[in-house]
Amino acid sequence: MRKIGTITNSADENGEFTNGHAAVGKKNTIFYAEWFNTVQRELVAIVENAGLTLDVNDDEQISKIIDKMSSVINHYRNYGYPQWENIVSYYNGAVVYHGGALYLSLINDNKFVPGTNNDAWQPYIQREATEEEAIYGDGSTQVMTPRRGFVE
């Protein structure tokens, strides 16, 4: 990204736009296509890097991307794991939150919906099983471990 001052010498001392001041001979900033093209390329890159196609009928694509990013950040803050997104492929070992449950990716370049393909995703083991869960075999998201013994 460039400031306007890298393109024209009519910018102020900080390389920023100026309205000029005729009384002291200071010109207003001259606008060149080069600067507008720089800004346009930056905005296009944001949309395309988000996996979207430019849409001449949608003047809110950048805003929607920012909203989505905010949602993902809030999800991390609240749950500690990313929410599964259909525009992302996940690597082997990635953990995502989807449909109220956590899932572990078993393959690289995983684009399957969690919970729909047992070869691609498995429920993520989040905690140790309680004694009752271990005895009765309840649950599929707990693990049994010799770390803690049960006393009769």
N, C-alpha and C. Protein backbone atom coordinates (compact mmCIF):
# COMPACT_ATOMS: atom_id res chain seq x y z
N MET A 1 0.86 -1.18 0.00
CA MET A 1 0.00 0.00 0.00
C MET A 1 0.90 1.23 0.00
N ARG A 2 0.46 2.25 -0.68
CA ARG A 2 1.24 3.49 -0.75
C ARG A 2 0.41 4.67 -0.26
N LYS A 3 1.10 5.64 0.28
CA LYS A 3 0.45 6.90 0.59
C LYS A 3 0.49 7.75 -0.68
N ILE A 4 -0.41 8.70 -0.77
CA ILE A 4 -0.49 9.57 -1.95
C ILE A 4 0.83 10.31 -2.17
N GLY A 5 1.58 10.58 -1.11
CA GLY A 5 2.84 11.29 -1.23
C GLY A 5 3.91 10.55 -2.01
N THR A 6 3.76 9.24 -2.21
CA THR A 6 4.73 8.50 -3.03
C THR A 6 4.42 8.63 -4.51
N ILE A 7 3.29 9.23 -4.85
CA ILE A 7 2.86 9.33 -6.24
C ILE A 7 2.89 10.78 -6.74
N THR A 8 2.65 11.72 -5.85
CA THR A 8 2.63 13.13 -6.25
C THR A 8 3.36 13.98 -5.22
N ASN A 9 3.97 15.06 -5.70
CA ASN A 9 4.66 15.96 -4.77
C ASN A 9 3.73 17.05 -4.23
N SER A 10 2.44 16.92 -4.54
CA SER A 10 1.48 17.92 -4.04
C SER A 10 0.82 17.47 -2.73
N ALA A 11 1.32 16.40 -2.14
CA ALA A 11 0.82 15.96 -0.84
C ALA A 11 1.48 16.79 0.26
N ASP A 12 0.99 16.65 1.49
CA ASP A 12 1.61 17.40 2.58
C ASP A 12 2.89 16.72 3.05
N GLU A 13 3.51 17.27 4.09
CA GLU A 13 4.79 16.75 4.57
C GLU A 13 4.69 15.34 5.15
N ASN A 14 3.48 14.87 5.47
CA ASN A 14 3.27 13.51 5.95
C ASN A 14 2.91 12.55 4.82
N GLY A 15 2.93 13.04 3.59
CA GLY A 15 2.56 12.21 2.45
C GLY A 15 1.07 12.00 2.34
N GLU A 16 0.30 12.90 2.93
CA GLU A 16 -1.16 12.76 2.95
C GLU A 16 -1.81 13.84 2.10
N PHE A 17 -3.11 13.67 1.85
CA PHE A 17 -3.88 14.62 1.04
C PHE A 17 -3.93 15.99 1.71
N THR A 18 -4.03 17.02 0.89
CA THR A 18 -4.21 18.37 1.40
C THR A 18 -5.17 19.13 0.49
N ASN A 19 -5.94 20.02 1.10
CA ASN A 19 -6.83 20.88 0.32
C ASN A 19 -6.07 22.07 -0.25
N GLY A 20 -4.83 22.22 0.15
CA GLY A 20 -4.04 23.36 -0.31
C GLY A 20 -4.37 24.62 0.47
N HIS A 21 -3.60 25.66 0.18
CA HIS A 21 -3.84 26.96 0.81
C HIS A 21 -3.30 28.01 -0.15
N ALA A 22 -4.19 28.61 -0.94
CA ALA A 22 -3.81 29.54 -2.01
C ALA A 22 -3.01 30.72 -1.49
N ALA A 23 -3.33 31.21 -0.30
CA ALA A 23 -2.67 32.40 0.23
C ALA A 23 -1.18 32.20 0.47
N VAL A 24 -0.78 30.95 0.75
CA VAL A 24 0.64 30.67 0.99
C VAL A 24 1.26 29.88 -0.16
N GLY A 25 0.51 29.75 -1.25
CA GLY A 25 1.04 29.07 -2.44
C GLY A 25 1.08 27.56 -2.33
N LYS A 26 0.34 26.99 -1.41
CA LYS A 26 0.30 25.52 -1.25
C LYS A 26 -0.80 24.96 -2.12
N LYS A 27 -0.42 24.07 -3.04
CA LYS A 27 -1.40 23.45 -3.95
C LYS A 27 -2.18 22.35 -3.23
N ASN A 28 -3.40 22.14 -3.71
CA ASN A 28 -4.13 20.97 -3.22
C ASN A 28 -3.54 19.72 -3.86
N THR A 29 -3.79 18.58 -3.24
CA THR A 29 -3.24 17.32 -3.74
C THR A 29 -3.84 16.97 -5.09
N ILE A 30 -2.98 16.65 -6.03
CA ILE A 30 -3.41 16.23 -7.37
C ILE A 30 -3.67 14.73 -7.32
N PHE A 31 -4.80 14.34 -7.84
CA PHE A 31 -5.18 12.93 -7.86
C PHE A 31 -4.73 12.28 -9.16
N TYR A 32 -3.95 11.21 -9.05
CA TYR A 32 -3.49 10.47 -10.21
C TYR A 32 -4.13 9.09 -10.22
N ALA A 33 -4.34 8.57 -11.42
CA ALA A 33 -4.93 7.24 -11.57
C ALA A 33 -4.09 6.19 -10.84
N GLU A 34 -2.79 6.38 -10.78
CA GLU A 34 -1.90 5.41 -10.13
C GLU A 34 -2.31 5.17 -8.67
N TRP A 35 -2.68 6.25 -7.96
CA TRP A 35 -3.09 6.09 -6.57
C TRP A 35 -4.42 5.34 -6.47
N PHE A 36 -5.38 5.72 -7.30
CA PHE A 36 -6.68 5.05 -7.28
C PHE A 36 -6.53 3.57 -7.64
N ASN A 37 -5.65 3.26 -8.59
CA ASN A 37 -5.42 1.86 -8.96
C ASN A 37 -4.78 1.08 -7.82
N THR A 38 -3.90 1.73 -7.06
CA THR A 38 -3.29 1.07 -5.90
C THR A 38 -4.36 0.70 -4.88
N VAL A 39 -5.23 1.65 -4.57
CA VAL A 39 -6.30 1.40 -3.60
C VAL A 39 -7.24 0.31 -4.13
N GLN A 40 -7.58 0.39 -5.40
CA GLN A 40 -8.46 -0.61 -6.00
C GLN A 40 -7.85 -2.01 -5.93
N ARG A 41 -6.54 -2.12 -6.23
CA ARG A 41 -5.89 -3.44 -6.16
C ARG A 41 -5.91 -3.99 -4.73
N GLU A 42 -5.70 -3.13 -3.75
CA GLU A 42 -5.75 -3.56 -2.35
C GLU A 42 -7.14 -4.10 -2.00
N LEU A 43 -8.18 -3.39 -2.40
CA LEU A 43 -9.56 -3.81 -2.09
C LEU A 43 -9.92 -5.10 -2.83
N VAL A 44 -9.52 -5.20 -4.09
CA VAL A 44 -9.77 -6.42 -4.86
C VAL A 44 -9.08 -7.61 -4.20
N ALA A 45 -7.85 -7.41 -3.74
CA ALA A 45 -7.11 -8.50 -3.09
C ALA A 45 -7.83 -8.99 -1.84
N ILE A 46 -8.41 -8.08 -1.08
CA ILE A 46 -9.15 -8.48 0.13
C ILE A 46 -10.31 -9.40 -0.25
N VAL A 47 -11.08 -9.01 -1.25
CA VAL A 47 -12.25 -9.80 -1.67
C VAL A 47 -11.81 -11.15 -2.22
N GLU A 48 -10.85 -11.15 -3.12
CA GLU A 48 -10.44 -12.40 -3.76
C GLU A 48 -9.73 -13.33 -2.78
N ASN A 49 -8.93 -12.79 -1.87
CA ASN A 49 -8.26 -13.64 -0.88
C ASN A 49 -9.22 -14.22 0.14
N ALA A 50 -10.42 -13.66 0.22
CA ALA A 50 -11.46 -14.22 1.09
C ALA A 50 -12.22 -15.32 0.36
N GLY A 51 -11.81 -15.63 -0.88
CA GLY A 51 -12.45 -16.70 -1.64
C GLY A 51 -13.70 -16.26 -2.38
N LEU A 52 -13.92 -14.96 -2.50
CA LEU A 52 -15.10 -14.45 -3.17
C LEU A 52 -14.75 -13.96 -4.57
N THR A 53 -15.78 -13.82 -5.38
CA THR A 53 -15.65 -13.24 -6.71
C THR A 53 -16.19 -11.82 -6.63
N LEU A 54 -15.51 -10.89 -7.30
CA LEU A 54 -16.00 -9.51 -7.30
C LEU A 54 -17.41 -9.48 -7.86
N ASP A 55 -18.29 -8.73 -7.20
CA ASP A 55 -19.69 -8.64 -7.58
C ASP A 55 -20.05 -7.17 -7.76
N VAL A 56 -20.31 -6.76 -9.01
CA VAL A 56 -20.61 -5.35 -9.29
C VAL A 56 -21.91 -4.91 -8.65
N ASN A 57 -22.74 -5.84 -8.23
CA ASN A 57 -24.02 -5.51 -7.61
C ASN A 57 -23.96 -5.51 -6.08
N ASP A 58 -22.77 -5.72 -5.51
CA ASP A 58 -22.63 -5.79 -4.05
C ASP A 58 -21.54 -4.82 -3.60
N ASP A 59 -21.94 -3.68 -3.10
CA ASP A 59 -20.99 -2.68 -2.62
C ASP A 59 -20.62 -2.89 -1.16
N GLU A 60 -20.96 -4.04 -0.60
CA GLU A 60 -20.67 -4.31 0.80
C GLU A 60 -19.78 -5.54 0.99
N GLN A 61 -19.06 -5.96 -0.04
CA GLN A 61 -18.25 -7.17 0.08
C GLN A 61 -17.17 -7.03 1.15
N ILE A 62 -16.47 -5.91 1.20
CA ILE A 62 -15.44 -5.71 2.22
C ILE A 62 -16.07 -5.71 3.61
N SER A 63 -17.18 -5.02 3.75
CA SER A 63 -17.88 -4.97 5.04
C SER A 63 -18.29 -6.37 5.49
N LYS A 64 -18.78 -7.19 4.58
CA LYS A 64 -19.18 -8.56 4.93
C LYS A 64 -17.98 -9.39 5.35
N ILE A 65 -16.84 -9.18 4.70
CA ILE A 65 -15.62 -9.91 5.06
C ILE A 65 -15.19 -9.52 6.47
N ILE A 66 -15.23 -8.24 6.77
CA ILE A 66 -14.86 -7.77 8.11
C ILE A 66 -15.82 -8.34 9.15
N ASP A 67 -17.11 -8.35 8.85
CA ASP A 67 -18.09 -8.94 9.76
C ASP A 67 -17.79 -10.41 10.02
N LYS A 68 -17.44 -11.15 8.96
CA LYS A 68 -17.14 -12.57 9.08
C LYS A 68 -15.89 -12.77 9.95
N MET A 69 -14.87 -11.95 9.71
CA MET A 69 -13.66 -12.05 10.51
C MET A 69 -13.95 -11.77 11.98
N SER A 70 -14.78 -10.78 12.24
CA SER A 70 -15.16 -10.45 13.62
C SER A 70 -15.89 -11.62 14.27
N SER A 71 -16.75 -12.27 13.50
CA SER A 71 -17.49 -13.42 13.99
C SER A 71 -16.55 -14.56 14.36
N VAL A 72 -15.55 -14.81 13.50
CA VAL A 72 -14.58 -15.88 13.76
C VAL A 72 -13.78 -15.56 15.01
N ILE A 73 -13.34 -14.32 15.15
CA ILE A 73 -12.57 -13.92 16.34
C ILE A 73 -13.41 -14.08 17.60
N ASN A 74 -14.66 -13.64 17.54
CA ASN A 74 -15.54 -13.79 18.70
C ASN A 74 -15.77 -15.26 19.04
N HIS A 75 -15.87 -16.11 18.02
CA HIS A 75 -16.06 -17.55 18.26
C HIS A 75 -14.85 -18.13 18.97
N TYR A 76 -13.66 -17.78 18.51
CA TYR A 76 -12.43 -18.22 19.19
C TYR A 76 -12.45 -17.78 20.65
N ARG A 77 -12.80 -16.52 20.88
CA ARG A 77 -12.80 -15.98 22.23
C ARG A 77 -13.79 -16.73 23.12
N ASN A 78 -14.95 -17.06 22.58
CA ASN A 78 -16.01 -17.69 23.38
C ASN A 78 -15.84 -19.19 23.53
N TYR A 79 -15.31 -19.87 22.51
CA TYR A 79 -15.26 -21.34 22.53
C TYR A 79 -13.85 -21.92 22.51
N GLY A 80 -12.86 -21.14 22.12
CA GLY A 80 -11.49 -21.63 22.09
C GLY A 80 -11.13 -22.41 20.85
N TYR A 81 -12.08 -22.60 19.95
CA TYR A 81 -11.84 -23.32 18.70
C TYR A 81 -12.52 -22.57 17.56
N PRO A 82 -11.99 -22.71 16.34
CA PRO A 82 -12.64 -22.03 15.22
C PRO A 82 -13.94 -22.72 14.83
N GLN A 83 -14.87 -21.94 14.37
CA GLN A 83 -16.11 -22.50 13.82
C GLN A 83 -15.80 -23.03 12.43
N TRP A 84 -16.33 -24.19 12.09
CA TRP A 84 -16.10 -24.78 10.77
C TRP A 84 -16.66 -23.85 9.70
N GLU A 85 -15.88 -23.64 8.65
CA GLU A 85 -16.28 -22.79 7.53
C GLU A 85 -16.22 -23.62 6.25
N ASN A 86 -17.20 -23.47 5.39
CA ASN A 86 -17.22 -24.26 4.16
C ASN A 86 -16.29 -23.73 3.09
N ILE A 87 -15.65 -22.58 3.29
CA ILE A 87 -14.74 -22.04 2.27
C ILE A 87 -13.28 -22.35 2.60
N VAL A 88 -13.05 -23.08 3.68
CA VAL A 88 -11.70 -23.39 4.12
C VAL A 88 -11.46 -24.88 4.01
N SER A 89 -10.25 -25.28 3.60
CA SER A 89 -9.89 -26.70 3.69
C SER A 89 -9.00 -26.84 4.93
N TYR A 90 -9.22 -27.91 5.68
CA TYR A 90 -8.54 -28.09 6.96
C TYR A 90 -7.45 -29.15 6.85
N TYR A 91 -6.40 -28.99 7.63
CA TYR A 91 -5.29 -29.92 7.64
C TYR A 91 -5.55 -31.05 8.64
N ASN A 92 -4.82 -32.13 8.49
CA ASN A 92 -4.90 -33.26 9.41
C ASN A 92 -4.51 -32.78 10.81
N GLY A 93 -5.40 -32.96 11.77
CA GLY A 93 -5.15 -32.55 13.14
C GLY A 93 -5.87 -31.27 13.54
N ALA A 94 -6.51 -30.60 12.59
CA ALA A 94 -7.25 -29.37 12.93
C ALA A 94 -8.48 -29.72 13.74
N VAL A 95 -8.81 -28.86 14.69
CA VAL A 95 -10.02 -29.03 15.50
C VAL A 95 -10.96 -27.87 15.18
N VAL A 96 -12.23 -28.21 14.92
CA VAL A 96 -13.23 -27.18 14.61
C VAL A 96 -14.49 -27.43 15.42
N TYR A 97 -15.27 -26.38 15.54
CA TYR A 97 -16.57 -26.44 16.21
C TYR A 97 -17.65 -26.40 15.14
N HIS A 98 -18.57 -27.38 15.17
CA HIS A 98 -19.64 -27.41 14.17
C HIS A 98 -20.86 -28.12 14.76
N GLY A 99 -22.00 -27.51 14.61
CA GLY A 99 -23.25 -28.13 15.05
C GLY A 99 -23.28 -28.46 16.53
N GLY A 100 -22.62 -27.65 17.34
CA GLY A 100 -22.63 -27.87 18.78
C GLY A 100 -21.61 -28.88 19.28
N ALA A 101 -20.71 -29.33 18.40
CA ALA A 101 -19.71 -30.33 18.81
C ALA A 101 -18.35 -29.98 18.22
N LEU A 102 -17.31 -30.55 18.83
CA LEU A 102 -15.95 -30.38 18.32
C LEU A 102 -15.56 -31.59 17.49
N TYR A 103 -14.82 -31.35 16.41
CA TYR A 103 -14.38 -32.42 15.51
C TYR A 103 -12.89 -32.27 15.22
N LEU A 104 -12.23 -33.41 15.03
CA LEU A 104 -10.82 -33.48 14.68
C LEU A 104 -10.69 -33.95 13.24
N SER A 105 -9.97 -33.18 12.41
CA SER A 105 -9.77 -33.57 11.02
C SER A 105 -8.77 -34.72 10.95
N LEU A 106 -9.10 -35.73 10.17
CA LEU A 106 -8.25 -36.91 10.02
C LEU A 106 -7.45 -36.91 8.73
N ILE A 107 -7.69 -35.92 7.86
CA ILE A 107 -7.02 -35.87 6.56
C ILE A 107 -6.59 -34.43 6.26
N ASN A 108 -5.63 -34.30 5.37
CA ASN A 108 -5.25 -32.98 4.87
C ASN A 108 -6.22 -32.54 3.79
N ASP A 109 -6.30 -31.25 3.56
CA ASP A 109 -7.18 -30.66 2.54
C ASP A 109 -8.62 -31.12 2.75
N ASN A 110 -9.04 -31.14 4.00
CA ASN A 110 -10.36 -31.65 4.38
C ASN A 110 -11.43 -30.60 4.12
N LYS A 111 -12.33 -30.90 3.19
CA LYS A 111 -13.43 -29.98 2.86
C LYS A 111 -14.79 -30.60 3.18
N PHE A 112 -14.78 -31.78 3.80
CA PHE A 112 -16.03 -32.43 4.18
C PHE A 112 -16.68 -31.70 5.35
N VAL A 113 -18.00 -31.80 5.43
CA VAL A 113 -18.73 -31.23 6.56
C VAL A 113 -18.51 -32.13 7.77
N PRO A 114 -18.06 -31.58 8.90
CA PRO A 114 -17.86 -32.42 10.09
C PRO A 114 -19.14 -33.17 10.46
N GLY A 115 -18.96 -34.45 10.80
CA GLY A 115 -20.10 -35.27 11.18
C GLY A 115 -20.74 -36.01 10.02
N THR A 116 -20.26 -35.78 8.79
CA THR A 116 -20.86 -36.44 7.62
C THR A 116 -19.96 -37.51 7.01
N ASN A 117 -18.70 -37.57 7.43
CA ASN A 117 -17.76 -38.52 6.85
C ASN A 117 -16.78 -38.95 7.94
N ASN A 118 -16.93 -40.19 8.40
CA ASN A 118 -16.10 -40.68 9.51
C ASN A 118 -14.65 -40.90 9.12
N ASP A 119 -14.35 -40.94 7.82
CA ASP A 119 -12.96 -41.06 7.39
C ASP A 119 -12.27 -39.69 7.36
N ALA A 120 -13.06 -38.62 7.40
CA ALA A 120 -12.51 -37.27 7.33
C ALA A 120 -12.49 -36.57 8.68
N TRP A 121 -13.50 -36.83 9.50
CA TRP A 121 -13.63 -36.18 10.81
C TRP A 121 -14.00 -37.20 11.88
N GLN A 122 -13.50 -37.01 13.08
CA GLN A 122 -13.96 -37.79 14.23
C GLN A 122 -14.31 -36.81 15.34
N PRO A 123 -15.22 -37.22 16.23
CA PRO A 123 -15.50 -36.35 17.37
C PRO A 123 -14.19 -36.09 18.13
N TYR A 124 -14.01 -34.88 18.56
CA TYR A 124 -12.80 -34.50 19.27
C TYR A 124 -12.95 -34.85 20.74
N ILE A 125 -11.98 -35.55 21.29
CA ILE A 125 -12.01 -35.95 22.69
C ILE A 125 -11.58 -34.75 23.52
N GLN A 126 -12.52 -34.23 24.25
CA GLN A 126 -12.31 -32.98 24.97
C GLN A 126 -11.92 -33.19 26.43
N ARG A 127 -12.31 -34.33 27.02
CA ARG A 127 -12.04 -34.50 28.45
C ARG A 127 -11.98 -35.98 28.80
N GLU A 128 -11.53 -36.26 30.02
CA GLU A 128 -11.51 -37.62 30.52
C GLU A 128 -12.92 -38.05 30.90
N ALA A 129 -13.19 -39.32 30.74
CA ALA A 129 -14.49 -39.87 31.12
C ALA A 129 -14.62 -39.90 32.64
N THR A 130 -15.83 -39.72 33.11
CA THR A 130 -16.08 -39.90 34.54
C THR A 130 -16.12 -41.40 34.81
N GLU A 131 -16.11 -41.78 36.07
CA GLU A 131 -16.18 -43.19 36.42
C GLU A 131 -17.46 -43.81 35.86
N GLU A 132 -18.56 -43.11 36.00
CA GLU A 132 -19.85 -43.63 35.51
C GLU A 132 -19.84 -43.79 33.99
N GLU A 133 -19.29 -42.82 33.27
CA GLU A 133 -19.22 -42.91 31.81
C GLU A 133 -18.33 -44.08 31.39
N ALA A 134 -17.24 -44.30 32.13
CA ALA A 134 -16.34 -45.40 31.81
C ALA A 134 -17.01 -46.75 32.04
N ILE A 135 -17.73 -46.88 33.13
CA ILE A 135 -18.40 -48.14 33.45
C ILE A 135 -19.51 -48.45 32.46
N TYR A 136 -20.31 -47.46 32.14
CA TYR A 136 -21.47 -47.68 31.27
C TYR A 136 -21.18 -47.45 29.79
N GLY A 137 -20.00 -46.97 29.46
CA GLY A 137 -19.66 -46.75 28.05
C GLY A 137 -20.43 -45.60 27.43
N ASP A 138 -20.84 -44.65 28.26
CA ASP A 138 -21.59 -43.50 27.75
C ASP A 138 -20.65 -42.49 27.09
N GLY A 139 -21.08 -41.94 25.97
CA GLY A 139 -20.35 -40.85 25.34
C GLY A 139 -19.28 -41.30 24.38
N SER A 140 -19.02 -40.47 23.41
CA SER A 140 -17.97 -40.77 22.43
C SER A 140 -16.95 -39.65 22.36
N THR A 141 -17.08 -38.68 23.25
CA THR A 141 -16.13 -37.56 23.22
C THR A 141 -15.31 -37.48 24.50
N GLN A 142 -15.25 -38.59 25.24
CA GLN A 142 -14.43 -38.64 26.44
C GLN A 142 -13.37 -39.73 26.24
N VAL A 143 -12.31 -39.64 27.00
CA VAL A 143 -11.25 -40.62 26.90
C VAL A 143 -11.05 -41.27 28.27
N MET A 144 -10.71 -42.57 28.24
CA MET A 144 -10.35 -43.26 29.47
C MET A 144 -8.83 -43.28 29.53
N THR A 145 -8.29 -43.07 30.72
CA THR A 145 -6.85 -43.01 30.86
C THR A 145 -6.42 -43.68 32.16
N PRO A 146 -5.24 -44.31 32.17
CA PRO A 146 -4.76 -44.92 33.42
C PRO A 146 -4.22 -43.87 34.39
N ARG A 147 -4.22 -42.62 33.98
CA ARG A 147 -3.70 -41.55 34.82
C ARG A 147 -4.44 -41.46 36.15
N ARG A 148 -5.70 -41.79 36.13
CA ARG A 148 -6.52 -41.65 37.33
C ARG A 148 -7.21 -43.00 37.55
N GLY A 149 -6.94 -43.63 38.65
CA GLY A 149 -7.55 -44.92 38.93
C GLY A 149 -8.87 -44.78 39.66
N PHE A 150 -9.76 -45.73 39.46
CA PHE A 150 -11.05 -45.73 40.16
C PHE A 150 -10.96 -46.72 41.31
N VAL A 151 -11.47 -46.34 42.45
CA VAL A 151 -11.43 -47.18 43.65
C VAL A 151 -12.82 -47.75 43.88
N GLU A 152 -12.87 -49.07 44.20
CA GLU A 152 -14.17 -49.70 44.47
C GLU A 152 -14.54 -49.56 45.91
